[in-house]
Each structure stands twice: as structure tokens, then as C-alpha cells.
Amino acid sequence: MSEAGQEQTPQPQLTVGQDASVVPVADRAAARIAAGDDHHAVALWLAEFRASPQTLRAYRREAERLLLWLGEQGSRRIPPATRS
């Protein structure tokens, strides 16, 4: 149970896919990951690091923590971001 007395819904573990779907735009730095929800977006982002297992493991751990925290905050979502 969380502090507010509500039972937490377990979040699925992030699965890293083989294809990161990035929607190209005129400005490459503003490319967005095409995903239907935060879990899918994070999984696609993590797929970019599959060639570096240690980085992938560290980023996955922190991304899972972020998603769990967002879930505890109610209906909060990851805000849109651009690459710089």
C-alpha cells in the first residue's frame, strides 16, 4: 500500500525492442519517438543503447524508477522532450 492508502499497481518491466521508431522531422534535434504511452516510449529510447549493456542496464533501472514514481503521482506523464 502507498502512503495515501491506495494499493500500487505493479508496472510491467521494460522490454527493449529491436527497432527504435523515431519520427523524422525537418530539424533532426526535434525528432520524437513514436509511441502510444510512456512505457513504450521509454522502451524505444532504451533500444538505442542495446549495444552498450552496462549503459542499458543503468538507464533501464533509472527509467523504471521514473515510471514508478510517475505512477505514484497519479496521472502524471513524461513530458515531451527533444534531443540536444
N, C-alpha and C. Protein backbone atom coordinates (compact mmCIF):
# COMPACT_ATOMS: atom_id res chain seq x y z
N MET A 1 0.83 -1.18 0.00
CA MET A 1 0.00 0.00 0.00
C MET A 1 0.88 1.24 0.00
N SER A 2 0.45 2.28 -0.70
CA SER A 2 1.17 3.54 -0.73
C SER A 2 0.80 4.36 0.48
N GLU A 3 1.45 5.51 0.63
CA GLU A 3 1.19 6.38 1.76
C GLU A 3 -0.25 6.85 1.81
N ALA A 4 -0.87 7.03 0.67
CA ALA A 4 -2.24 7.53 0.62
C ALA A 4 -3.25 6.43 0.88
N GLY A 5 -2.79 5.21 1.18
CA GLY A 5 -3.68 4.11 1.46
C GLY A 5 -4.20 3.40 0.24
N GLN A 6 -3.64 3.71 -0.91
CA GLN A 6 -4.07 3.07 -2.15
C GLN A 6 -3.07 1.99 -2.52
N GLU A 7 -3.57 0.90 -3.02
CA GLU A 7 -2.70 -0.18 -3.45
C GLU A 7 -2.04 0.19 -4.76
N GLN A 8 -0.72 -0.04 -4.84
CA GLN A 8 0.01 0.28 -6.06
C GLN A 8 -0.20 -0.79 -7.10
N THR A 9 -0.35 -0.36 -8.34
CA THR A 9 -0.47 -1.27 -9.45
C THR A 9 0.93 -1.59 -9.94
N PRO A 10 1.31 -2.88 -9.99
CA PRO A 10 2.65 -3.19 -10.47
C PRO A 10 2.82 -2.79 -11.92
N GLN A 11 3.96 -2.17 -12.22
CA GLN A 11 4.26 -1.74 -13.57
C GLN A 11 5.00 -2.86 -14.29
N PRO A 12 4.71 -3.07 -15.56
CA PRO A 12 5.43 -4.12 -16.30
C PRO A 12 6.89 -3.73 -16.46
N GLN A 13 7.76 -4.75 -16.46
CA GLN A 13 9.18 -4.48 -16.69
C GLN A 13 9.36 -4.02 -18.12
N LEU A 14 10.26 -3.08 -18.31
CA LEU A 14 10.51 -2.55 -19.64
C LEU A 14 11.21 -3.59 -20.50
N THR A 15 10.70 -3.80 -21.68
CA THR A 15 11.30 -4.71 -22.64
C THR A 15 11.88 -3.88 -23.77
N VAL A 16 13.16 -4.10 -24.03
CA VAL A 16 13.83 -3.33 -25.06
C VAL A 16 13.62 -4.00 -26.40
N GLY A 17 13.01 -3.28 -27.33
CA GLY A 17 12.74 -3.81 -28.66
C GLY A 17 13.95 -3.72 -29.56
N GLN A 18 13.84 -4.31 -30.72
CA GLN A 18 14.93 -4.30 -31.68
C GLN A 18 14.89 -3.08 -32.59
N ASP A 19 13.73 -2.43 -32.69
CA ASP A 19 13.64 -1.29 -33.60
C ASP A 19 13.12 -0.06 -32.86
N ALA A 20 13.93 0.95 -32.82
CA ALA A 20 13.51 2.21 -32.22
C ALA A 20 12.84 3.03 -33.30
N SER A 21 11.57 3.32 -33.11
CA SER A 21 10.80 4.03 -34.11
C SER A 21 10.86 5.53 -33.83
N VAL A 22 11.65 6.23 -34.59
CA VAL A 22 11.79 7.67 -34.43
C VAL A 22 11.18 8.36 -35.64
N VAL A 23 10.29 9.30 -35.37
CA VAL A 23 9.63 10.03 -36.44
C VAL A 23 10.53 11.17 -36.88
N PRO A 24 10.99 11.18 -38.15
CA PRO A 24 11.86 12.27 -38.59
C PRO A 24 11.07 13.56 -38.79
N VAL A 25 11.72 14.66 -38.50
CA VAL A 25 11.13 15.97 -38.73
C VAL A 25 12.17 16.82 -39.44
N ALA A 26 11.80 18.03 -39.83
CA ALA A 26 12.74 18.89 -40.55
C ALA A 26 14.01 19.13 -39.74
N ASP A 27 13.87 19.35 -38.44
CA ASP A 27 15.02 19.56 -37.56
C ASP A 27 15.30 18.25 -36.83
N ARG A 28 16.40 17.60 -37.14
CA ARG A 28 16.74 16.29 -36.54
C ARG A 28 16.76 16.35 -35.02
N ALA A 29 17.19 17.49 -34.45
CA ALA A 29 17.27 17.61 -33.00
C ALA A 29 15.88 17.58 -32.36
N ALA A 30 14.84 17.81 -33.13
CA ALA A 30 13.50 17.84 -32.59
C ALA A 30 12.75 16.53 -32.85
N ALA A 31 13.45 15.47 -33.28
CA ALA A 31 12.79 14.19 -33.56
C ALA A 31 12.11 13.65 -32.31
N ARG A 32 10.97 13.06 -32.51
CA ARG A 32 10.19 12.49 -31.41
C ARG A 32 10.09 10.98 -31.60
N ILE A 33 10.08 10.26 -30.48
CA ILE A 33 9.87 8.82 -30.53
C ILE A 33 8.37 8.59 -30.71
N ALA A 34 8.00 7.77 -31.69
CA ALA A 34 6.59 7.47 -31.95
C ALA A 34 6.15 6.34 -31.03
N ALA A 35 5.41 6.69 -29.99
CA ALA A 35 4.96 5.69 -29.03
C ALA A 35 3.57 6.07 -28.52
N GLY A 36 2.81 5.06 -28.14
CA GLY A 36 1.46 5.29 -27.66
C GLY A 36 1.38 5.65 -26.19
N ASP A 37 2.41 5.29 -25.42
CA ASP A 37 2.40 5.60 -23.99
C ASP A 37 3.83 5.73 -23.48
N ASP A 38 3.96 6.11 -22.22
CA ASP A 38 5.29 6.34 -21.65
C ASP A 38 6.14 5.08 -21.62
N HIS A 39 5.55 3.94 -21.28
CA HIS A 39 6.32 2.69 -21.22
C HIS A 39 6.90 2.35 -22.59
N HIS A 40 6.10 2.49 -23.61
CA HIS A 40 6.56 2.20 -24.97
C HIS A 40 7.64 3.19 -25.40
N ALA A 41 7.46 4.46 -25.08
CA ALA A 41 8.45 5.48 -25.43
C ALA A 41 9.79 5.19 -24.76
N VAL A 42 9.75 4.83 -23.48
CA VAL A 42 10.99 4.53 -22.76
C VAL A 42 11.65 3.29 -23.33
N ALA A 43 10.86 2.26 -23.65
CA ALA A 43 11.42 1.03 -24.23
C ALA A 43 12.10 1.32 -25.57
N LEU A 44 11.48 2.16 -26.39
CA LEU A 44 12.08 2.51 -27.68
C LEU A 44 13.36 3.33 -27.48
N TRP A 45 13.33 4.23 -26.52
CA TRP A 45 14.53 5.02 -26.22
C TRP A 45 15.66 4.12 -25.72
N LEU A 46 15.32 3.18 -24.84
CA LEU A 46 16.33 2.26 -24.32
C LEU A 46 16.94 1.39 -25.42
N ALA A 47 16.16 1.09 -26.45
CA ALA A 47 16.66 0.24 -27.55
C ALA A 47 17.88 0.86 -28.22
N GLU A 48 18.01 2.17 -28.13
CA GLU A 48 19.16 2.84 -28.73
C GLU A 48 20.47 2.47 -28.03
N PHE A 49 20.39 1.91 -26.82
CA PHE A 49 21.58 1.61 -26.03
C PHE A 49 21.85 0.12 -25.92
N ARG A 50 21.20 -0.70 -26.74
CA ARG A 50 21.36 -2.15 -26.63
C ARG A 50 22.78 -2.61 -26.96
N ALA A 51 23.57 -1.81 -27.66
CA ALA A 51 24.95 -2.19 -27.97
C ALA A 51 25.88 -1.96 -26.78
N SER A 52 25.39 -1.28 -25.76
CA SER A 52 26.17 -0.99 -24.56
C SER A 52 25.43 -1.55 -23.34
N PRO A 53 25.65 -2.82 -22.99
CA PRO A 53 24.87 -3.47 -21.93
C PRO A 53 24.91 -2.76 -20.57
N GLN A 54 26.05 -2.23 -20.20
CA GLN A 54 26.13 -1.56 -18.89
C GLN A 54 25.31 -0.27 -18.89
N THR A 55 25.40 0.50 -19.95
CA THR A 55 24.61 1.72 -20.06
C THR A 55 23.13 1.38 -20.10
N LEU A 56 22.77 0.38 -20.89
CA LEU A 56 21.37 -0.04 -20.98
C LEU A 56 20.83 -0.45 -19.62
N ARG A 57 21.59 -1.23 -18.88
CA ARG A 57 21.16 -1.69 -17.56
C ARG A 57 20.94 -0.50 -16.62
N ALA A 58 21.88 0.45 -16.61
CA ALA A 58 21.76 1.62 -15.74
C ALA A 58 20.58 2.50 -16.14
N TYR A 59 20.43 2.75 -17.43
CA TYR A 59 19.33 3.59 -17.89
C TYR A 59 17.99 2.92 -17.65
N ARG A 60 17.92 1.60 -17.86
CA ARG A 60 16.66 0.88 -17.62
C ARG A 60 16.26 0.99 -16.16
N ARG A 61 17.21 0.82 -15.25
CA ARG A 61 16.93 0.90 -13.82
C ARG A 61 16.35 2.28 -13.47
N GLU A 62 16.99 3.33 -13.97
CA GLU A 62 16.52 4.68 -13.65
C GLU A 62 15.19 5.00 -14.33
N ALA A 63 15.00 4.51 -15.54
CA ALA A 63 13.72 4.73 -16.24
C ALA A 63 12.58 4.03 -15.52
N GLU A 64 12.83 2.81 -15.02
CA GLU A 64 11.80 2.10 -14.27
C GLU A 64 11.44 2.86 -13.00
N ARG A 65 12.45 3.41 -12.34
CA ARG A 65 12.18 4.22 -11.14
C ARG A 65 11.34 5.44 -11.48
N LEU A 66 11.67 6.11 -12.59
CA LEU A 66 10.90 7.28 -13.01
C LEU A 66 9.45 6.91 -13.28
N LEU A 67 9.23 5.81 -14.01
CA LEU A 67 7.87 5.39 -14.34
C LEU A 67 7.08 5.01 -13.09
N LEU A 68 7.74 4.35 -12.14
CA LEU A 68 7.06 4.01 -10.88
C LEU A 68 6.68 5.27 -10.12
N TRP A 69 7.60 6.23 -10.07
CA TRP A 69 7.31 7.49 -9.38
C TRP A 69 6.15 8.22 -10.05
N LEU A 70 6.18 8.29 -11.37
CA LEU A 70 5.08 8.94 -12.09
C LEU A 70 3.75 8.26 -11.79
N GLY A 71 3.77 6.93 -11.72
CA GLY A 71 2.55 6.20 -11.40
C GLY A 71 2.02 6.52 -10.02
N GLU A 72 2.92 6.74 -9.07
CA GLU A 72 2.51 7.10 -7.72
C GLU A 72 1.94 8.51 -7.65
N GLN A 73 2.29 9.35 -8.61
CA GLN A 73 1.84 10.73 -8.62
C GLN A 73 0.46 10.88 -9.26
N GLY A 74 -0.16 9.79 -9.63
CA GLY A 74 -1.47 9.85 -10.26
C GLY A 74 -1.36 9.73 -11.76
N SER A 75 -1.93 10.66 -12.46
CA SER A 75 -1.96 10.58 -13.93
C SER A 75 -0.83 11.37 -14.58
N ARG A 76 0.28 11.56 -13.89
CA ARG A 76 1.40 12.31 -14.46
C ARG A 76 2.07 11.48 -15.54
N ARG A 77 2.60 12.18 -16.54
CA ARG A 77 3.26 11.53 -17.68
C ARG A 77 4.61 12.17 -17.90
N ILE A 78 5.43 11.50 -18.69
CA ILE A 78 6.72 12.06 -19.07
C ILE A 78 6.45 13.18 -20.06
N PRO A 79 6.97 14.38 -19.81
CA PRO A 79 6.73 15.48 -20.74
C PRO A 79 7.50 15.29 -22.04
N PRO A 80 7.02 15.88 -23.13
CA PRO A 80 7.74 15.80 -24.40
C PRO A 80 9.14 16.41 -24.24
N ALA A 81 10.10 15.82 -24.92
CA ALA A 81 11.47 16.31 -24.85
C ALA A 81 12.10 16.23 -26.24
N THR A 82 13.09 17.04 -26.45
CA THR A 82 13.83 17.00 -27.72
C THR A 82 15.28 16.62 -27.42
N ARG A 83 15.95 16.13 -28.42
CA ARG A 83 17.38 15.80 -28.28
C ARG A 83 18.18 17.07 -28.48
N SER A 84 19.24 17.19 -27.73
CA SER A 84 20.09 18.37 -27.92
C SER A 84 21.51 17.97 -28.17
